[in-house]
Amino acid sequence: MDLADIRKKAKARKAEKDRSASSPGAAEVKKARLPAIQVQGVPAPPLDWASQEGAEPAEDPLEALFNYCPEIDLATEEAYAEGLAALSREDREEVEQWLTFPVGNEEYALDIDHVSEIIKWRQVEEIPRVPDFVLGIISLRGQVVPVFDLPRRMKLGAVEVSPASRIIVCQKGERHAGLLVDGINQVVKMPVRKTEPPPAMLSGLDRDMVKGVGRYQDRMIFMLNLDHVLDAERS
């Protein structure tokens, strides 16, 4: 049964009720209603409120549904676009994504926006007269990429190469490098409001290397300042 059939059936039902109400026997049927029940001298309401003289007949629910036409103010395309843009700006301002990895017994992170790719360890070509944290260079699709031992860059030991070791290829401005780490943990979404400035005292770590400290699921994460990390002349 489609919508047109339902509408016709509702109108037919309403017309039949109207004919029954206007028939000669209708008044007699009303008079034959049960009397009100007496409770301690107080009359109770009639069993059928619609049977009272002058009472309005109840409207058919189906007819009421079809007659219901509320006025709705729809948003314009401009308002909808502005709302989406505002939500997008809010998301960018309040949440940042960070790639996390272990360094010793602590957890560090890099801004995912500046991570180009993550590759497995491969042999590097050593170059002379460079800082000790520069392991050498690799060729990545025709581009020469220097590789840093990240823990050694931060004066926190050195990576012991294993099958879990990874090189995080990063780029910030004109600088780029592959950062060797012991492994990868995960990508986390960090609310900006949960990010704090680096503490005044960081043992064994140059404070300028850290952009901030955040908490994620009761874990403390040190977010690195990539500009400083990639600047090999600053050690």
C-alpha atoms as a PDB file:
ATOM      1  CA  MET A   1       0.000   0.000   0.000  1.00  0.00           C
ATOM      2  CA  ASP A   2       1.516   3.330  -1.062  1.00  0.00           C
ATOM      3  CA  LEU A   3       1.028   6.815   0.365  1.00  0.00           C
ATOM      4  CA  ALA A   4      -1.873   7.650  -1.985  1.00  0.00           C
ATOM      5  CA  ASP A   5      -3.813   4.545  -0.866  1.00  0.00           C
ATOM      6  CA  ILE A   6      -3.252   5.425   2.799  1.00  0.00           C
ATOM      7  CA  ARG A   7      -4.529   8.980   2.189  1.00  0.00           C
ATOM      8  CA  LYS A   8      -7.656   7.693   0.386  1.00  0.00           C
ATOM      9  CA  LYS A   9      -8.355   5.208   3.174  1.00  0.00           C
ATOM     10  CA  ALA A  10      -8.070   7.941   5.819  1.00  0.00           C
ATOM     11  CA  LYS A  11     -10.474  10.231   3.935  1.00  0.00           C
ATOM     12  CA  ALA A  12     -12.974   7.373   3.468  1.00  0.00           C
ATOM     13  CA  ARG A  13     -12.842   6.581   7.186  1.00  0.00           C
ATOM     14  CA  LYS A  14     -13.460  10.249   8.074  1.00  0.00           C
ATOM     15  CA  ALA A  15     -16.403  10.495   5.637  1.00  0.00           C
ATOM     16  CA  GLU A  16     -17.968   7.369   7.131  1.00  0.00           C
ATOM     17  CA  LYS A  17     -17.684   8.830  10.646  1.00  0.00           C
ATOM     18  CA  ASP A  18     -19.297  12.070   9.471  1.00  0.00           C
ATOM     19  CA  ARG A  19     -22.248  10.156   7.950  1.00  0.00           C
ATOM     20  CA  SER A  20     -22.694   8.125  11.129  1.00  0.00           C
ATOM     21  CA  ALA A  21     -22.702  11.254  13.270  1.00  0.00           C
ATOM     22  CA  SER A  22     -25.372  12.933  11.087  1.00  0.00           C
ATOM     23  CA  SER A  23     -27.716   9.883  10.893  1.00  0.00           C
ATOM     24  CA  PRO A  24     -31.069   9.978  12.821  1.00  0.00           C
ATOM     25  CA  GLY A  25     -30.017   7.191  15.164  1.00  0.00           C
ATOM     26  CA  ALA A  26     -26.885   8.955  16.262  1.00  0.00           C
ATOM     27  CA  ALA A  27     -28.663  11.008  18.921  1.00  0.00           C
ATOM     28  CA  GLU A  28     -30.302   7.896  20.334  1.00  0.00           C
ATOM     29  CA  VAL A  29     -26.943   6.131  20.506  1.00  0.00           C
ATOM     30  CA  LYS A  30     -25.545   9.063  22.464  1.00  0.00           C
ATOM     31  CA  LYS A  31     -28.428   8.883  24.913  1.00  0.00           C
ATOM     32  CA  ALA A  32     -27.847   5.163  25.369  1.00  0.00           C
ATOM     33  CA  ARG A  33     -24.361   5.755  26.799  1.00  0.00           C
ATOM     34  CA  LEU A  34     -23.681   4.369  30.232  1.00  0.00           C
ATOM     35  CA  PRO A  35     -24.376   6.797  33.065  1.00  0.00           C
ATOM     36  CA  ALA A  36     -21.548   8.258  35.110  1.00  0.00           C
ATOM     37  CA  ILE A  37     -20.382   6.097  37.992  1.00  0.00           C
ATOM     38  CA  GLN A  38     -21.184   7.506  41.421  1.00  0.00           C
ATOM     39  CA  VAL A  39     -18.358   7.462  43.989  1.00  0.00           C
ATOM     40  CA  GLN A  40     -19.363   8.735  47.445  1.00  0.00           C
ATOM     41  CA  GLY A  41     -21.817  11.179  45.950  1.00  0.00           C
ATOM     42  CA  VAL A  42     -19.337  12.653  43.430  1.00  0.00           C
ATOM     43  CA  PRO A  43     -20.127  11.909  39.773  1.00  0.00           C
ATOM     44  CA  ALA A  44     -17.217  10.527  37.764  1.00  0.00           C
ATOM     45  CA  PRO A  45     -16.513  11.791  34.223  1.00  0.00           C
ATOM     46  CA  PRO A  46     -18.429  10.053  31.420  1.00  0.00           C
ATOM     47  CA  LEU A  47     -16.732   7.007  29.973  1.00  0.00           C
ATOM     48  CA  ASP A  48     -16.782   8.568  26.510  1.00  0.00           C
ATOM     49  CA  TRP A  49     -15.844  12.234  26.560  1.00  0.00           C
ATOM     50  CA  ALA A  50     -16.658  12.619  22.873  1.00  0.00           C
ATOM     51  CA  SER A  51     -20.278  11.517  23.492  1.00  0.00           C
ATOM     52  CA  GLN A  52     -21.134  14.624  25.500  1.00  0.00           C
ATOM     53  CA  GLU A  53     -23.423  17.185  23.925  1.00  0.00           C
ATOM     54  CA  GLY A  54     -21.408  19.826  22.089  1.00  0.00           C
ATOM     55  CA  ALA A  55     -18.105  17.893  22.350  1.00  0.00           C
ATOM     56  CA  GLU A  56     -15.841  18.068  19.300  1.00  0.00           C
ATOM     57  CA  PRO A  57     -15.310  14.709  17.553  1.00  0.00           C
ATOM     58  CA  ALA A  58     -11.769  13.343  17.884  1.00  0.00           C
ATOM     59  CA  GLU A  59      -9.611  13.953  14.806  1.00  0.00           C
ATOM     60  CA  ASP A  60      -8.413  10.946  12.896  1.00  0.00           C
ATOM     61  CA  PRO A  61      -4.683  10.442  13.761  1.00  0.00           C
ATOM     62  CA  LEU A  62      -3.834   9.559  10.170  1.00  0.00           C
ATOM     63  CA  GLU A  63      -5.562  12.669   8.857  1.00  0.00           C
ATOM     64  CA  ALA A  64      -3.769  14.765  11.485  1.00  0.00           C
ATOM     65  CA  LEU A  65      -0.453  13.372  10.259  1.00  0.00           C
ATOM     66  CA  PHE A  66      -1.178  14.400   6.670  1.00  0.00           C
ATOM     67  CA  ASN A  67      -2.388  17.854   7.747  1.00  0.00           C
ATOM     68  CA  TYR A  68       0.736  18.516   9.842  1.00  0.00           C
ATOM     69  CA  CYS A  69       2.848  20.977   7.876  1.00  0.00           C
ATOM     70  CA  PRO A  70       5.298  22.776  10.202  1.00  0.00           C
ATOM     71  CA  GLU A  71       7.328  25.676   8.873  1.00  0.00           C
ATOM     72  CA  ILE A  72      11.021  24.798   8.861  1.00  0.00           C
ATOM     73  CA  ASP A  73      13.827  27.302   8.254  1.00  0.00           C
ATOM     74  CA  LEU A  74      16.495  25.559   6.200  1.00  0.00           C
ATOM     75  CA  ALA A  75      20.098  26.732   6.257  1.00  0.00           C
ATOM     76  CA  THR A  76      21.407  28.402   3.134  1.00  0.00           C
ATOM     77  CA  GLU A  77      24.399  27.014   1.253  1.00  0.00           C
ATOM     78  CA  GLU A  78      26.516  29.928   2.490  1.00  0.00           C
ATOM     79  CA  ALA A  79      25.629  29.265   6.134  1.00  0.00           C
ATOM     80  CA  TYR A  80      26.297  25.548   5.703  1.00  0.00           C
ATOM     81  CA  ALA A  81      29.724  26.224   4.133  1.00  0.00           C
ATOM     82  CA  GLU A  82      30.629  28.669   6.896  1.00  0.00           C
ATOM     83  CA  GLY A  83      29.665  26.106   9.537  1.00  0.00           C
ATOM     84  CA  LEU A  84      31.842  23.432   7.956  1.00  0.00           C
ATOM     85  CA  ALA A  85      34.762  25.847   7.679  1.00  0.00           C
ATOM     86  CA  ALA A  86      34.396  26.817  11.341  1.00  0.00           C
ATOM     87  CA  LEU A  87      34.389  23.169  12.437  1.00  0.00           C
ATOM     88  CA  SER A  88      37.450  22.477  10.294  1.00  0.00           C
ATOM     89  CA  ARG A  89      39.315  25.431  11.801  1.00  0.00           C
ATOM     90  CA  GLU A  90      38.346  24.309  15.293  1.00  0.00           C
ATOM     91  CA  ASP A  91      39.674  20.795  14.674  1.00  0.00           C
ATOM     92  CA  ARG A  92      42.995  22.105  13.355  1.00  0.00           C
ATOM     93  CA  GLU A  93      43.377  24.493  16.267  1.00  0.00           C
ATOM     94  CA  GLU A  94      42.516  22.051  19.044  1.00  0.00           C
ATOM     95  CA  VAL A  95      43.994  18.717  17.923  1.00  0.00           C
ATOM     96  CA  GLU A  96      47.421  17.799  16.531  1.00  0.00           C
ATOM     97  CA  GLN A  97      48.673  14.400  15.387  1.00  0.00           C
ATOM     98  CA  TRP A  98      52.026  13.093  16.596  1.00  0.00           C
ATOM     99  CA  LEU A  99      54.087  10.046  15.610  1.00  0.00           C
ATOM    100  CA  THR A 100      55.380   8.479  18.834  1.00  0.00           C
ATOM    101  CA  PHE A 101      58.425   6.254  19.387  1.00  0.00           C
ATOM    102  CA  PRO A 102      60.576   5.122  22.319  1.00  0.00           C
ATOM    103  CA  VAL A 103      63.935   6.573  23.248  1.00  0.00           C
ATOM    104  CA  GLY A 104      65.326   4.711  26.241  1.00  0.00           C
ATOM    105  CA  ASN A 105      62.615   4.546  28.895  1.00  0.00           C
ATOM    106  CA  GLU A 106      60.774   7.612  27.609  1.00  0.00           C
ATOM    107  CA  GLU A 107      58.404   8.345  24.749  1.00  0.00           C
ATOM    108  CA  TYR A 108      58.994  11.054  22.165  1.00  0.00           C
ATOM    109  CA  ALA A 109      56.995  12.316  19.217  1.00  0.00           C
ATOM    110  CA  LEU A 110      57.279  14.160  15.917  1.00  0.00           C
ATOM    111  CA  ASP A 111      54.605  16.266  14.256  1.00  0.00           C
ATOM    112  CA  ILE A 112      53.064  13.963  11.645  1.00  0.00           C
ATOM    113  CA  ASP A 113      52.650  16.898   9.236  1.00  0.00           C
ATOM    114  CA  HIS A 114      56.434  16.951   8.762  1.00  0.00           C
ATOM    115  CA  VAL A 115      56.933  13.176   8.378  1.00  0.00           C
ATOM    116  CA  SER A 116      57.373  12.209   4.718  1.00  0.00           C
ATOM    117  CA  GLU A 117      57.671   8.453   5.186  1.00  0.00           C
ATOM    118  CA  ILE A 118      58.964   5.676   7.432  1.00  0.00           C
ATOM    119  CA  ILE A 119      61.403   3.099   6.049  1.00  0.00           C
ATOM    120  CA  LYS A 120      63.296   0.100   7.372  1.00  0.00           C
ATOM    121  CA  TRP A 121      66.939   0.355   8.271  1.00  0.00           C
ATOM    122  CA  ARG A 122      69.320   0.220   5.325  1.00  0.00           C
ATOM    123  CA  GLN A 123      73.048   0.608   5.008  1.00  0.00           C
ATOM    124  CA  VAL A 124      74.263   4.184   4.832  1.00  0.00           C
ATOM    125  CA  GLU A 125      77.264   5.645   3.106  1.00  0.00           C
ATOM    126  CA  GLU A 126      79.527   7.263   5.642  1.00  0.00           C
ATOM    127  CA  ILE A 127      80.854  10.759   5.066  1.00  0.00           C
ATOM    128  CA  PRO A 128      83.860  12.385   6.782  1.00  0.00           C
ATOM    129  CA  ARG A 129      84.048  15.361   9.116  1.00  0.00           C
ATOM    130  CA  VAL A 130      80.478  15.303  10.397  1.00  0.00           C
ATOM    131  CA  PRO A 131      79.078  15.208  13.948  1.00  0.00           C
ATOM    132  CA  ASP A 132      78.995  11.762  15.547  1.00  0.00           C
ATOM    133  CA  PHE A 133      75.173  11.550  15.365  1.00  0.00           C
ATOM    134  CA  VAL A 134      75.274  11.801  11.540  1.00  0.00           C
ATOM    135  CA  LEU A 135      75.552   8.171  10.437  1.00  0.00           C
ATOM    136  CA  GLY A 136      75.886   8.961   6.742  1.00  0.00           C
ATOM    137  CA  ILE A 137      73.641   9.404   3.732  1.00  0.00           C
ATOM    138  CA  ILE A 138      71.193   7.296   1.732  1.00  0.00           C
ATOM    139  CA  SER A 139      69.647   7.753  -1.700  1.00  0.00           C
ATOM    140  CA  LEU A 140      65.850   7.829  -1.584  1.00  0.00           C
ATOM    141  CA  ARG A 141      64.296   7.934  -5.058  1.00  0.00           C
ATOM    142  CA  GLY A 142      67.221   9.906  -6.372  1.00  0.00           C
ATOM    143  CA  GLN A 143      67.355  12.305  -3.413  1.00  0.00           C
ATOM    144  CA  VAL A 144      70.295  12.322  -1.010  1.00  0.00           C
ATOM    145  CA  VAL A 145      69.066  12.107   2.587  1.00  0.00           C
ATOM    146  CA  PRO A 146      71.339  12.394   5.648  1.00  0.00           C
ATOM    147  CA  VAL A 147      70.600   9.906   8.433  1.00  0.00           C
ATOM    148  CA  PHE A 148      70.802  10.918  12.109  1.00  0.00           C
ATOM    149  CA  ASP A 149      70.966   8.605  15.095  1.00  0.00           C
ATOM    150  CA  LEU A 150      68.179  10.407  16.990  1.00  0.00           C
ATOM    151  CA  PRO A 151      69.026   9.228  20.559  1.00  0.00           C
ATOM    152  CA  ARG A 152      72.661  10.200  19.983  1.00  0.00           C
ATOM    153  CA  ARG A 153      71.472  13.526  18.535  1.00  0.00           C
ATOM    154  CA  MET A 154      69.720  14.164  21.846  1.00  0.00           C
ATOM    155  CA  LYS A 155      72.647  12.822  23.918  1.00  0.00           C
ATOM    156  CA  LEU A 156      70.521   9.935  25.148  1.00  0.00           C
ATOM    157  CA  GLY A 157      72.601   6.956  24.050  1.00  0.00           C
ATOM    158  CA  ALA A 158      72.495   5.352  20.608  1.00  0.00           C
ATOM    159  CA  VAL A 159      70.292   3.048  18.557  1.00  0.00           C
ATOM    160  CA  GLU A 160      71.143  -0.638  18.474  1.00  0.00           C
ATOM    161  CA  VAL A 161      69.965  -1.589  15.004  1.00  0.00           C
ATOM    162  CA  SER A 162      67.399  -4.413  15.019  1.00  0.00           C
ATOM    163  CA  PRO A 163      64.562  -5.626  12.765  1.00  0.00           C
ATOM    164  CA  ALA A 164      62.267  -3.167  14.598  1.00  0.00           C
ATOM    165  CA  SER A 165      64.493  -0.155  13.864  1.00  0.00           C
ATOM    166  CA  ARG A 166      63.032   2.459  11.543  1.00  0.00           C
ATOM    167  CA  ILE A 167      64.201   5.601   9.749  1.00  0.00           C
ATOM    168  CA  ILE A 168      61.686   8.454   9.978  1.00  0.00           C
ATOM    169  CA  VAL A 169      62.173  10.707   6.955  1.00  0.00           C
ATOM    170  CA  CYS A 170      61.276  14.271   7.943  1.00  0.00           C
ATOM    171  CA  GLN A 171      61.278  17.644   6.253  1.00  0.00           C
ATOM    172  CA  LYS A 172      60.861  21.103   7.723  1.00  0.00           C
ATOM    173  CA  GLY A 173      61.412  24.046   5.449  1.00  0.00           C
ATOM    174  CA  GLU A 174      64.588  23.493   3.438  1.00  0.00           C
ATOM    175  CA  ARG A 175      66.000  20.924   5.868  1.00  0.00           C
ATOM    176  CA  HIS A 176      65.361  17.205   5.636  1.00  0.00           C
ATOM    177  CA  ALA A 177      66.853  14.094   7.224  1.00  0.00           C
ATOM    178  CA  GLY A 178      66.132  10.517   8.182  1.00  0.00           C
ATOM    179  CA  LEU A 179      65.947   9.974  11.949  1.00  0.00           C
ATOM    180  CA  LEU A 180      66.938   6.486  13.105  1.00  0.00           C
ATOM    181  CA  VAL A 181      64.920   5.201  16.104  1.00  0.00           C
ATOM    182  CA  ASP A 182      64.556   1.856  17.875  1.00  0.00           C
ATOM    183  CA  GLY A 183      60.957   1.429  16.704  1.00  0.00           C
ATOM    184  CA  ILE A 184      57.581   3.069  16.180  1.00  0.00           C
ATOM    185  CA  ASN A 185      54.751   3.142  18.723  1.00  0.00           C
ATOM    186  CA  GLN A 186      51.715   4.788  17.141  1.00  0.00           C
ATOM    187  CA  VAL A 187      50.133   8.006  15.862  1.00  0.00           C
ATOM    188  CA  VAL A 188      48.206   9.853  18.579  1.00  0.00           C
ATOM    189  CA  LYS A 189      45.826  12.820  18.460  1.00  0.00           C
ATOM    190  CA  MET A 190      46.949  15.302  21.092  1.00  0.00           C
ATOM    191  CA  PRO A 191      44.577  18.112  22.181  1.00  0.00           C
ATOM    192  CA  VAL A 192      46.458  21.400  22.205  1.00  0.00           C
ATOM    193  CA  ARG A 193      45.017  22.240  25.628  1.00  0.00           C
ATOM    194  CA  LYS A 194      46.818  19.182  27.054  1.00  0.00           C
ATOM    195  CA  THR A 195      50.193  20.392  25.776  1.00  0.00           C
ATOM    196  CA  GLU A 196      52.489  22.144  28.261  1.00  0.00           C
ATOM    197  CA  PRO A 197      55.766  24.004  27.763  1.00  0.00           C
ATOM    198  CA  PRO A 198      58.905  21.940  28.370  1.00  0.00           C
ATOM    199  CA  PRO A 199      59.977  21.834  32.023  1.00  0.00           C
ATOM    200  CA  ALA A 200      62.936  23.894  33.098  1.00  0.00           C
ATOM    201  CA  MET A 201      64.998  20.825  33.963  1.00  0.00           C
ATOM    202  CA  LEU A 202      65.342  17.929  31.502  1.00  0.00           C
ATOM    203  CA  SER A 203      68.132  15.542  32.478  1.00  0.00           C
ATOM    204  CA  GLY A 204      70.435  14.570  29.639  1.00  0.00           C
ATOM    205  CA  LEU A 205      68.429  16.487  27.061  1.00  0.00           C
ATOM    206  CA  ASP A 206      68.920  19.869  25.488  1.00  0.00           C
ATOM    207  CA  ARG A 207      65.774  21.799  26.431  1.00  0.00           C
ATOM    208  CA  ASP A 208      65.645  23.476  23.014  1.00  0.00           C
ATOM    209  CA  MET A 209      65.044  20.060  21.430  1.00  0.00           C
ATOM    210  CA  VAL A 210      61.624  19.820  23.093  1.00  0.00           C
ATOM    211  CA  LYS A 211      58.648  21.818  21.845  1.00  0.00           C
ATOM    212  CA  GLY A 212      56.292  20.713  24.589  1.00  0.00           C
ATOM    213  CA  VAL A 213      55.101  17.921  26.835  1.00  0.00           C
ATOM    214  CA  GLY A 214      51.720  16.251  26.479  1.00  0.00           C
ATOM    215  CA  ARG A 215      49.754  13.510  28.195  1.00  0.00           C
ATOM    216  CA  TYR A 216      47.996  10.719  26.333  1.00  0.00           C
ATOM    217  CA  GLN A 217      46.255   7.883  28.216  1.00  0.00           C
ATOM    218  CA  ASP A 218      48.347   8.548  31.330  1.00  0.00           C
ATOM    219  CA  ARG A 219      51.554   8.539  29.263  1.00  0.00           C
ATOM    220  CA  MET A 220      53.928  11.505  29.200  1.00  0.00           C
ATOM    221  CA  ILE A 221      55.088  12.320  25.675  1.00  0.00           C
ATOM    222  CA  PHE A 222      57.923  14.706  24.801  1.00  0.00           C
ATOM    223  CA  MET A 223      57.165  16.509  21.536  1.00  0.00           C
ATOM    224  CA  LEU A 224      60.318  17.367  19.640  1.00  0.00           C
ATOM    225  CA  ASN A 225      61.238  20.684  18.085  1.00  0.00           C
ATOM    226  CA  LEU A 226      62.023  19.519  14.550  1.00  0.00           C
ATOM    227  CA  ASP A 227      63.738  22.772  13.551  1.00  0.00           C
ATOM    228  CA  HIS A 228      66.394  22.168  16.194  1.00  0.00           C
ATOM    229  CA  VAL A 229      66.660  18.426  15.575  1.00  0.00           C
ATOM    230  CA  LEU A 230      67.323  18.857  11.848  1.00  0.00           C
ATOM    231  CA  ASP A 231      69.911  21.603  12.328  1.00  0.00           C
ATOM    232  CA  ALA A 232      73.104  19.539  12.355  1.00  0.00           C
ATOM    233  CA  GLU A 233      75.208  22.594  13.151  1.00  0.00           C
ATOM    234  CA  ARG A 234      73.515  22.923  16.544  1.00  0.00           C
ATOM    235  CA  SER A 235      74.772  20.209  18.858  1.00  0.00           C
END
